[in-house]
Amino acid sequence: MIDKNQLTLTVEEALRDTDLFLVDVSVTPDNRITVEIDSPEGVDIDTCVALSRKIEAAFDREAEDYELEVGSAGLTSPLKVKGQYDKNIGHEVEVMLREGGKKLCGVLQSVSDDLSEISLLTTRKVRPEGKKKPVMVEEAVTVKLADTNRVTPVIDFK
């Protein structure tokens, strides 16, 4: 079986001195390798092909056969690494909380350096005292990532 740690080191070395970052590496027992990468500007097919060739040069198929897939993280895939959070600052995200399956939507404002919490700007309806009609109010919310199931970008085609 392909060594996941060695594969990860190979990918990180190939991405060094670029704006690309590693999102995920998976290796199944039957040597199906999936490598997900991303960058602040997105990832094109030529970049994936180049990385695939570097991996193939480092891992000899004659010694151990494997299936390799190199791609970018999907637009609606959950955010996994700090680079993805940084890329989505200023964009709307959906946060699924562990507690009661609650969902928050808001604009991602910041992410802590240690990836322990994020800040969102959300809107909610509030009925001011003495008024019949509720009004929308913006509020800043801080969420601990340990309290979430997932954080995903919201795609809006407006």
N, C-alpha and C. Protein backbone atom coordinates (compact mmCIF):
# COMPACT_ATOMS: atom_id res chain seq x y z
N MET A 1 0.84 -1.19 0.00
CA MET A 1 0.00 0.00 0.00
C MET A 1 0.88 1.25 0.00
N ILE A 2 0.46 2.25 -0.74
CA ILE A 2 1.20 3.52 -0.81
C ILE A 2 1.19 4.17 0.57
N ASP A 3 2.35 4.68 0.98
CA ASP A 3 2.49 5.34 2.28
C ASP A 3 1.90 6.75 2.20
N LYS A 4 0.82 6.97 2.94
CA LYS A 4 0.11 8.26 2.90
C LYS A 4 1.02 9.40 3.37
N ASN A 5 1.83 9.16 4.39
CA ASN A 5 2.72 10.22 4.89
C ASN A 5 3.74 10.62 3.84
N GLN A 6 4.32 9.64 3.16
CA GLN A 6 5.29 9.93 2.10
C GLN A 6 4.61 10.67 0.95
N LEU A 7 3.40 10.24 0.62
CA LEU A 7 2.63 10.90 -0.44
C LEU A 7 2.34 12.36 -0.07
N THR A 8 1.93 12.58 1.18
CA THR A 8 1.65 13.94 1.65
C THR A 8 2.89 14.81 1.56
N LEU A 9 4.03 14.29 1.98
CA LEU A 9 5.29 15.04 1.89
C LEU A 9 5.64 15.37 0.43
N THR A 10 5.42 14.42 -0.46
CA THR A 10 5.69 14.63 -1.88
C THR A 10 4.82 15.75 -2.44
N VAL A 11 3.52 15.73 -2.10
CA VAL A 11 2.60 16.76 -2.58
C VAL A 11 2.97 18.12 -2.00
N GLU A 12 3.24 18.17 -0.70
CA GLU A 12 3.60 19.45 -0.08
C GLU A 12 4.87 20.02 -0.69
N GLU A 13 5.84 19.17 -0.99
CA GLU A 13 7.08 19.62 -1.64
C GLU A 13 6.77 20.18 -3.04
N ALA A 14 5.91 19.51 -3.77
CA ALA A 14 5.55 19.97 -5.12
C ALA A 14 4.80 21.31 -5.08
N LEU A 15 4.06 21.55 -4.01
CA LEU A 15 3.28 22.79 -3.89
C LEU A 15 4.06 23.94 -3.28
N ARG A 16 5.25 23.64 -2.73
CA ARG A 16 6.07 24.68 -2.10
C ARG A 16 6.36 25.78 -3.11
N ASP A 17 6.41 27.00 -2.66
CA ASP A 17 6.70 28.18 -3.49
C ASP A 17 5.61 28.46 -4.53
N THR A 18 4.39 27.99 -4.27
CA THR A 18 3.24 28.33 -5.10
C THR A 18 2.15 28.86 -4.18
N ASP A 19 1.06 29.35 -4.74
CA ASP A 19 -0.06 29.78 -3.91
C ASP A 19 -1.02 28.63 -3.63
N LEU A 20 -0.69 27.43 -4.13
CA LEU A 20 -1.52 26.25 -3.91
C LEU A 20 -1.33 25.69 -2.51
N PHE A 21 -2.37 25.05 -1.99
CA PHE A 21 -2.25 24.37 -0.71
C PHE A 21 -2.99 23.05 -0.75
N LEU A 22 -2.52 22.13 0.07
CA LEU A 22 -3.11 20.79 0.14
C LEU A 22 -4.35 20.83 1.02
N VAL A 23 -5.44 20.26 0.51
CA VAL A 23 -6.68 20.18 1.27
C VAL A 23 -6.82 18.80 1.89
N ASP A 24 -6.60 17.75 1.10
CA ASP A 24 -6.79 16.40 1.61
C ASP A 24 -6.04 15.40 0.75
N VAL A 25 -5.60 14.31 1.39
CA VAL A 25 -5.00 13.17 0.71
C VAL A 25 -5.67 11.93 1.29
N SER A 26 -6.12 11.05 0.41
CA SER A 26 -6.65 9.78 0.89
C SER A 26 -6.07 8.65 0.06
N VAL A 27 -5.82 7.53 0.74
CA VAL A 27 -5.31 6.33 0.09
C VAL A 27 -6.14 5.17 0.62
N THR A 28 -6.82 4.47 -0.29
CA THR A 28 -7.63 3.31 0.12
C THR A 28 -6.74 2.06 0.16
N PRO A 29 -7.20 1.00 0.80
CA PRO A 29 -6.40 -0.23 0.87
C PRO A 29 -6.04 -0.81 -0.51
N ASP A 30 -6.85 -0.53 -1.54
CA ASP A 30 -6.52 -1.02 -2.88
C ASP A 30 -5.78 0.03 -3.71
N ASN A 31 -5.12 0.96 -3.03
CA ASN A 31 -4.25 1.98 -3.63
C ASN A 31 -4.96 2.94 -4.59
N ARG A 32 -6.14 3.37 -4.21
CA ARG A 32 -6.79 4.46 -4.94
C ARG A 32 -6.43 5.74 -4.21
N ILE A 33 -5.70 6.58 -4.88
CA ILE A 33 -5.19 7.82 -4.28
C ILE A 33 -6.02 8.99 -4.77
N THR A 34 -6.48 9.82 -3.82
CA THR A 34 -7.18 11.05 -4.17
C THR A 34 -6.46 12.20 -3.48
N VAL A 35 -6.08 13.19 -4.27
CA VAL A 35 -5.39 14.38 -3.75
C VAL A 35 -6.25 15.59 -4.10
N GLU A 36 -6.63 16.37 -3.08
CA GLU A 36 -7.40 17.60 -3.29
C GLU A 36 -6.51 18.79 -2.98
N ILE A 37 -6.47 19.74 -3.90
CA ILE A 37 -5.70 20.97 -3.70
C ILE A 37 -6.60 22.17 -3.94
N ASP A 38 -6.12 23.33 -3.53
CA ASP A 38 -6.88 24.56 -3.73
C ASP A 38 -5.89 25.72 -3.74
N SER A 39 -6.38 26.89 -4.10
CA SER A 39 -5.59 28.12 -4.04
C SER A 39 -6.55 29.30 -3.96
N PRO A 40 -6.07 30.45 -3.55
CA PRO A 40 -6.96 31.62 -3.48
C PRO A 40 -7.58 31.97 -4.84
N GLU A 41 -6.89 31.63 -5.92
CA GLU A 41 -7.37 31.96 -7.26
C GLU A 41 -8.07 30.80 -7.95
N GLY A 42 -8.19 29.65 -7.27
CA GLY A 42 -8.78 28.47 -7.90
C GLY A 42 -7.69 27.61 -8.53
N VAL A 43 -8.10 26.46 -9.05
CA VAL A 43 -7.16 25.49 -9.61
C VAL A 43 -7.63 25.10 -11.01
N ASP A 44 -6.71 25.12 -11.97
CA ASP A 44 -7.08 24.72 -13.33
C ASP A 44 -6.58 23.30 -13.62
N ILE A 45 -7.02 22.75 -14.72
CA ILE A 45 -6.70 21.37 -15.07
C ILE A 45 -5.21 21.17 -15.30
N ASP A 46 -4.53 22.17 -15.87
CA ASP A 46 -3.10 22.05 -16.13
C ASP A 46 -2.31 21.90 -14.83
N THR A 47 -2.76 22.59 -13.79
CA THR A 47 -2.11 22.48 -12.49
C THR A 47 -2.28 21.07 -11.93
N CYS A 48 -3.47 20.52 -12.07
CA CYS A 48 -3.73 19.15 -11.59
C CYS A 48 -2.89 18.13 -12.35
N VAL A 49 -2.77 18.32 -13.66
CA VAL A 49 -1.96 17.41 -14.47
C VAL A 49 -0.49 17.48 -14.06
N ALA A 50 0.02 18.69 -13.86
CA ALA A 50 1.42 18.85 -13.46
C ALA A 50 1.69 18.18 -12.11
N LEU A 51 0.79 18.35 -11.16
CA LEU A 51 0.96 17.72 -9.85
C LEU A 51 0.88 16.20 -9.98
N SER A 52 -0.04 15.74 -10.79
CA SER A 52 -0.18 14.30 -11.01
C SER A 52 1.12 13.71 -11.56
N ARG A 53 1.74 14.39 -12.48
CA ARG A 53 3.01 13.92 -13.05
C ARG A 53 4.12 13.88 -12.01
N LYS A 54 4.15 14.87 -11.13
CA LYS A 54 5.16 14.87 -10.06
C LYS A 54 4.97 13.70 -9.11
N ILE A 55 3.72 13.40 -8.81
CA ILE A 55 3.43 12.26 -7.93
C ILE A 55 3.82 10.96 -8.63
N GLU A 56 3.48 10.83 -9.89
CA GLU A 56 3.81 9.62 -10.64
C GLU A 56 5.33 9.43 -10.76
N ALA A 57 6.07 10.53 -10.83
CA ALA A 57 7.53 10.44 -10.89
C ALA A 57 8.12 9.95 -9.56
N ALA A 58 7.44 10.26 -8.47
CA ALA A 58 7.94 9.88 -7.14
C ALA A 58 7.51 8.47 -6.72
N PHE A 59 6.40 7.97 -7.26
CA PHE A 59 5.87 6.66 -6.88
C PHE A 59 5.79 5.78 -8.12
N ASP A 60 6.68 4.81 -8.21
CA ASP A 60 6.80 3.93 -9.36
C ASP A 60 5.62 2.96 -9.45
N ARG A 61 4.90 3.02 -10.55
CA ARG A 61 3.77 2.11 -10.75
C ARG A 61 4.22 0.67 -10.96
N GLU A 62 5.45 0.47 -11.40
CA GLU A 62 5.97 -0.88 -11.58
C GLU A 62 6.19 -1.56 -10.23
N ALA A 63 6.61 -0.78 -9.24
CA ALA A 63 6.84 -1.33 -7.91
C ALA A 63 5.53 -1.59 -7.19
N GLU A 64 4.58 -0.67 -7.35
CA GLU A 64 3.28 -0.82 -6.70
C GLU A 64 2.23 -0.08 -7.52
N ASP A 65 1.27 -0.82 -8.05
CA ASP A 65 0.25 -0.23 -8.91
C ASP A 65 -0.73 0.60 -8.07
N TYR A 66 -1.17 1.71 -8.63
CA TYR A 66 -2.13 2.58 -7.94
C TYR A 66 -2.96 3.34 -8.95
N GLU A 67 -4.09 3.83 -8.49
CA GLU A 67 -4.96 4.70 -9.29
C GLU A 67 -4.87 6.08 -8.66
N LEU A 68 -4.63 7.10 -9.48
CA LEU A 68 -4.39 8.45 -8.96
C LEU A 68 -5.40 9.43 -9.52
N GLU A 69 -5.98 10.24 -8.61
CA GLU A 69 -6.88 11.32 -9.00
C GLU A 69 -6.43 12.58 -8.28
N VAL A 70 -6.10 13.60 -9.05
CA VAL A 70 -5.71 14.89 -8.49
C VAL A 70 -6.75 15.90 -8.96
N GLY A 71 -7.33 16.64 -8.01
CA GLY A 71 -8.35 17.62 -8.37
C GLY A 71 -8.43 18.74 -7.37
N SER A 72 -9.28 19.69 -7.69
CA SER A 72 -9.49 20.80 -6.77
C SER A 72 -10.63 20.46 -5.82
N ALA A 73 -10.64 21.09 -4.68
CA ALA A 73 -11.74 20.92 -3.73
C ALA A 73 -13.00 21.48 -4.38
N GLY A 74 -14.11 20.78 -4.25
CA GLY A 74 -15.36 21.20 -4.88
C GLY A 74 -15.88 22.51 -4.33
N LEU A 75 -16.64 23.23 -5.15
CA LEU A 75 -17.20 24.52 -4.74
C LEU A 75 -18.07 24.43 -3.50
N THR A 76 -18.80 23.33 -3.38
CA THR A 76 -19.72 23.20 -2.25
C THR A 76 -19.22 22.19 -1.21
N SER A 77 -17.96 21.79 -1.32
CA SER A 77 -17.38 20.86 -0.34
C SER A 77 -17.16 21.58 0.97
N PRO A 78 -17.28 20.87 2.09
CA PRO A 78 -17.00 21.50 3.38
C PRO A 78 -15.56 22.02 3.44
N LEU A 79 -15.38 23.12 4.13
CA LEU A 79 -14.05 23.69 4.31
C LEU A 79 -13.28 22.81 5.30
N LYS A 80 -12.02 22.51 4.98
CA LYS A 80 -11.23 21.60 5.80
C LYS A 80 -9.97 22.25 6.38
N VAL A 81 -9.32 23.12 5.61
CA VAL A 81 -8.03 23.67 6.03
C VAL A 81 -8.09 25.19 6.06
N LYS A 82 -7.15 25.78 6.78
CA LYS A 82 -7.16 27.23 6.99
C LYS A 82 -7.15 28.00 5.67
N GLY A 83 -6.41 27.53 4.69
CA GLY A 83 -6.37 28.22 3.40
C GLY A 83 -7.74 28.37 2.78
N GLN A 84 -8.59 27.36 2.94
CA GLN A 84 -9.95 27.45 2.40
C GLN A 84 -10.78 28.48 3.16
N TYR A 85 -10.60 28.53 4.48
CA TYR A 85 -11.32 29.54 5.27
C TYR A 85 -10.85 30.93 4.87
N ASP A 86 -9.53 31.11 4.75
CA ASP A 86 -8.99 32.41 4.35
C ASP A 86 -9.55 32.84 2.98
N LYS A 87 -9.63 31.89 2.06
CA LYS A 87 -10.13 32.15 0.72
C LYS A 87 -11.58 32.63 0.75
N ASN A 88 -12.35 32.17 1.73
CA ASN A 88 -13.79 32.48 1.79
C ASN A 88 -14.15 33.64 2.71
N ILE A 89 -13.16 34.33 3.27
CA ILE A 89 -13.46 35.52 4.07
C ILE A 89 -14.13 36.55 3.17
N GLY A 90 -15.24 37.08 3.66
CA GLY A 90 -16.02 38.04 2.88
C GLY A 90 -17.11 37.39 2.05
N HIS A 91 -17.18 36.06 2.10
CA HIS A 91 -18.20 35.32 1.35
C HIS A 91 -19.16 34.65 2.32
N GLU A 92 -20.35 34.35 1.81
CA GLU A 92 -21.36 33.70 2.65
C GLU A 92 -21.05 32.22 2.83
N VAL A 93 -21.21 31.75 4.07
CA VAL A 93 -21.02 30.34 4.40
C VAL A 93 -22.21 29.84 5.21
N GLU A 94 -22.38 28.52 5.18
CA GLU A 94 -23.41 27.86 5.98
C GLU A 94 -22.69 27.02 7.02
N VAL A 95 -23.07 27.18 8.28
CA VAL A 95 -22.46 26.46 9.39
C VAL A 95 -23.49 25.52 9.99
N MET A 96 -23.22 24.24 9.94
CA MET A 96 -24.09 23.25 10.59
C MET A 96 -23.52 22.97 11.97
N LEU A 97 -24.30 23.30 13.00
CA LEU A 97 -23.86 23.11 14.37
C LEU A 97 -24.17 21.69 14.85
N ARG A 98 -23.35 21.18 15.75
CA ARG A 98 -23.58 19.86 16.32
C ARG A 98 -24.84 19.87 17.20
N GLU A 99 -25.03 20.95 17.93
CA GLU A 99 -26.14 21.07 18.87
C GLU A 99 -27.47 21.19 18.14
N GLY A 100 -28.26 20.15 18.20
CA GLY A 100 -29.63 20.19 17.68
C GLY A 100 -29.74 20.35 16.18
N GLY A 101 -28.66 20.16 15.45
CA GLY A 101 -28.72 20.30 14.00
C GLY A 101 -29.03 21.70 13.52
N LYS A 102 -28.74 22.70 14.36
CA LYS A 102 -29.02 24.09 13.98
C LYS A 102 -28.08 24.52 12.86
N LYS A 103 -28.57 25.49 12.07
CA LYS A 103 -27.82 25.99 10.95
C LYS A 103 -27.70 27.52 11.05
N LEU A 104 -26.50 28.02 10.82
CA LEU A 104 -26.26 29.46 10.75
C LEU A 104 -25.79 29.80 9.35
N CYS A 105 -26.25 30.90 8.82
CA CYS A 105 -25.75 31.41 7.55
C CYS A 105 -25.27 32.83 7.79
N GLY A 106 -24.15 33.16 7.20
CA GLY A 106 -23.63 34.50 7.35
C GLY A 106 -22.38 34.69 6.53
N VAL A 107 -21.88 35.90 6.55
CA VAL A 107 -20.66 36.23 5.83
C VAL A 107 -19.47 35.96 6.76
N LEU A 108 -18.54 35.15 6.27
CA LEU A 108 -17.35 34.82 7.06
C LEU A 108 -16.49 36.07 7.22
N GLN A 109 -16.25 36.46 8.46
CA GLN A 109 -15.48 37.67 8.74
C GLN A 109 -14.02 37.38 9.07
N SER A 110 -13.78 36.30 9.82
CA SER A 110 -12.41 35.97 10.20
C SER A 110 -12.34 34.52 10.65
N VAL A 111 -11.11 34.04 10.71
CA VAL A 111 -10.82 32.70 11.21
C VAL A 111 -9.57 32.81 12.08
N SER A 112 -9.58 32.12 13.21
CA SER A 112 -8.43 32.19 14.11
C SER A 112 -7.24 31.47 13.47
N ASP A 113 -6.03 31.88 13.85
CA ASP A 113 -4.81 31.29 13.30
C ASP A 113 -4.72 29.79 13.57
N ASP A 114 -5.24 29.36 14.72
CA ASP A 114 -5.18 27.94 15.08
C ASP A 114 -6.40 27.16 14.60
N LEU A 115 -7.25 27.79 13.80
CA LEU A 115 -8.45 27.18 13.23
C LEU A 115 -9.39 26.64 14.31
N SER A 116 -9.48 27.35 15.42
CA SER A 116 -10.37 26.91 16.50
C SER A 116 -11.73 27.59 16.44
N GLU A 117 -11.79 28.80 15.85
CA GLU A 117 -13.07 29.49 15.76
C GLU A 117 -13.12 30.42 14.56
N ILE A 118 -14.38 30.72 14.18
CA ILE A 118 -14.62 31.65 13.09
C ILE A 118 -15.60 32.72 13.55
N SER A 119 -15.58 33.84 12.86
CA SER A 119 -16.54 34.91 13.13
C SER A 119 -17.38 35.12 11.88
N LEU A 120 -18.69 35.26 12.11
CA LEU A 120 -19.65 35.47 11.01
C LEU A 120 -20.43 36.74 11.27
N LEU A 121 -20.89 37.36 10.19
CA LEU A 121 -21.85 38.44 10.28
C LEU A 121 -23.17 37.87 9.79
N THR A 122 -24.12 37.70 10.72
CA THR A 122 -25.41 37.09 10.39
C THR A 122 -26.52 38.13 10.48
N THR A 123 -27.67 37.79 9.93
CA THR A 123 -28.85 38.64 10.09
C THR A 123 -29.97 37.78 10.66
N ARG A 124 -30.78 38.41 11.50
CA ARG A 124 -31.93 37.70 12.06
C ARG A 124 -33.05 38.70 12.31
N LYS A 125 -34.26 38.15 12.39
CA LYS A 125 -35.43 39.00 12.64
C LYS A 125 -35.56 39.27 14.13
N VAL A 126 -35.81 40.52 14.45
CA VAL A 126 -36.02 40.93 15.84
C VAL A 126 -37.23 41.85 15.86
N ARG A 127 -38.11 41.63 16.82
CA ARG A 127 -39.26 42.51 16.96
C ARG A 127 -38.93 43.54 18.05
N PRO A 128 -38.71 44.79 17.64
CA PRO A 128 -38.42 45.83 18.63
C PRO A 128 -39.61 45.99 19.59
N GLU A 129 -39.29 46.32 20.83
CA GLU A 129 -40.33 46.49 21.85
C GLU A 129 -41.33 47.56 21.41
N GLY A 130 -42.59 47.21 21.49
CA GLY A 130 -43.66 48.14 21.14
C GLY A 130 -43.98 48.19 19.65
N LYS A 131 -43.31 47.38 18.86
CA LYS A 131 -43.55 47.35 17.41
C LYS A 131 -44.21 46.03 17.04
N LYS A 132 -45.02 46.06 16.01
CA LYS A 132 -45.68 44.84 15.55
C LYS A 132 -44.85 44.10 14.50
N LYS A 133 -44.13 44.86 13.71
CA LYS A 133 -43.41 44.26 12.59
C LYS A 133 -41.94 44.05 12.96
N PRO A 134 -41.43 42.81 12.74
CA PRO A 134 -40.01 42.57 13.04
C PRO A 134 -39.11 43.25 12.00
N VAL A 135 -37.90 43.52 12.41
CA VAL A 135 -36.90 44.12 11.53
C VAL A 135 -35.68 43.20 11.49
N MET A 136 -34.93 43.29 10.40
CA MET A 136 -33.71 42.49 10.26
C MET A 136 -32.56 43.23 10.94
N VAL A 137 -31.81 42.47 11.75
CA VAL A 137 -30.70 43.05 12.50
C VAL A 137 -29.44 42.23 12.21
N GLU A 138 -28.34 42.91 11.92
CA GLU A 138 -27.07 42.23 11.73
C GLU A 138 -26.38 42.06 13.07
N GLU A 139 -25.75 40.90 13.25
CA GLU A 139 -24.98 40.69 14.46
C GLU A 139 -23.77 39.82 14.16
N ALA A 140 -22.70 40.10 14.89
CA ALA A 140 -21.48 39.30 14.77
C ALA A 140 -21.61 38.09 15.69
N VAL A 141 -21.25 36.92 15.17
CA VAL A 141 -21.33 35.68 15.93
C VAL A 141 -19.98 34.98 15.83
N THR A 142 -19.49 34.49 16.96
CA THR A 142 -18.27 33.70 16.97
C THR A 142 -18.66 32.25 17.23
N VAL A 143 -18.12 31.35 16.42
CA VAL A 143 -18.45 29.93 16.51
C VAL A 143 -17.16 29.13 16.67
N LYS A 144 -17.14 28.24 17.66
CA LYS A 144 -16.00 27.34 17.82
C LYS A 144 -16.16 26.21 16.79
N LEU A 145 -15.13 25.95 16.02
CA LEU A 145 -15.22 24.93 14.98
C LEU A 145 -15.44 23.54 15.57
N ALA A 146 -15.03 23.32 16.82
CA ALA A 146 -15.28 22.04 17.48
C ALA A 146 -16.78 21.81 17.69
N ASP A 147 -17.57 22.89 17.68
CA ASP A 147 -19.02 22.79 17.87
C ASP A 147 -19.78 22.67 16.56
N THR A 148 -19.06 22.47 15.44
CA THR A 148 -19.72 22.39 14.14
C THR A 148 -19.56 21.00 13.53
N ASN A 149 -20.51 20.64 12.69
CA ASN A 149 -20.39 19.44 11.87
C ASN A 149 -19.65 19.76 10.58
N ARG A 150 -19.98 20.92 10.02
CA ARG A 150 -19.31 21.33 8.78
C ARG A 150 -19.58 22.81 8.51
N VAL A 151 -18.68 23.39 7.72
CA VAL A 151 -18.83 24.76 7.23
C VAL A 151 -18.67 24.69 5.72
N THR A 152 -19.67 25.15 4.99
CA THR A 152 -19.62 25.08 3.52
C THR A 152 -19.89 26.45 2.91
N PRO A 153 -19.23 26.74 1.80
CA PRO A 153 -19.52 27.99 1.10
C PRO A 153 -20.93 27.95 0.52
N VAL A 154 -21.58 29.09 0.45
CA VAL A 154 -22.88 29.21 -0.19
C VAL A 154 -22.67 29.77 -1.58
N ILE A 155 -23.17 29.05 -2.56
CA ILE A 155 -23.03 29.49 -3.95
C ILE A 155 -24.31 30.21 -4.34
N ASP A 156 -24.15 31.47 -4.77
CA ASP A 156 -25.29 32.30 -5.15
C ASP A 156 -25.05 32.83 -6.55
N PHE A 157 -25.95 32.55 -7.45
CA PHE A 157 -25.77 32.96 -8.85
C PHE A 157 -26.51 34.24 -9.17
N LYS A 158 -26.76 35.09 -8.18
CA LYS A 158 -27.45 36.37 -8.41
C LYS A 158 -26.53 37.36 -9.03
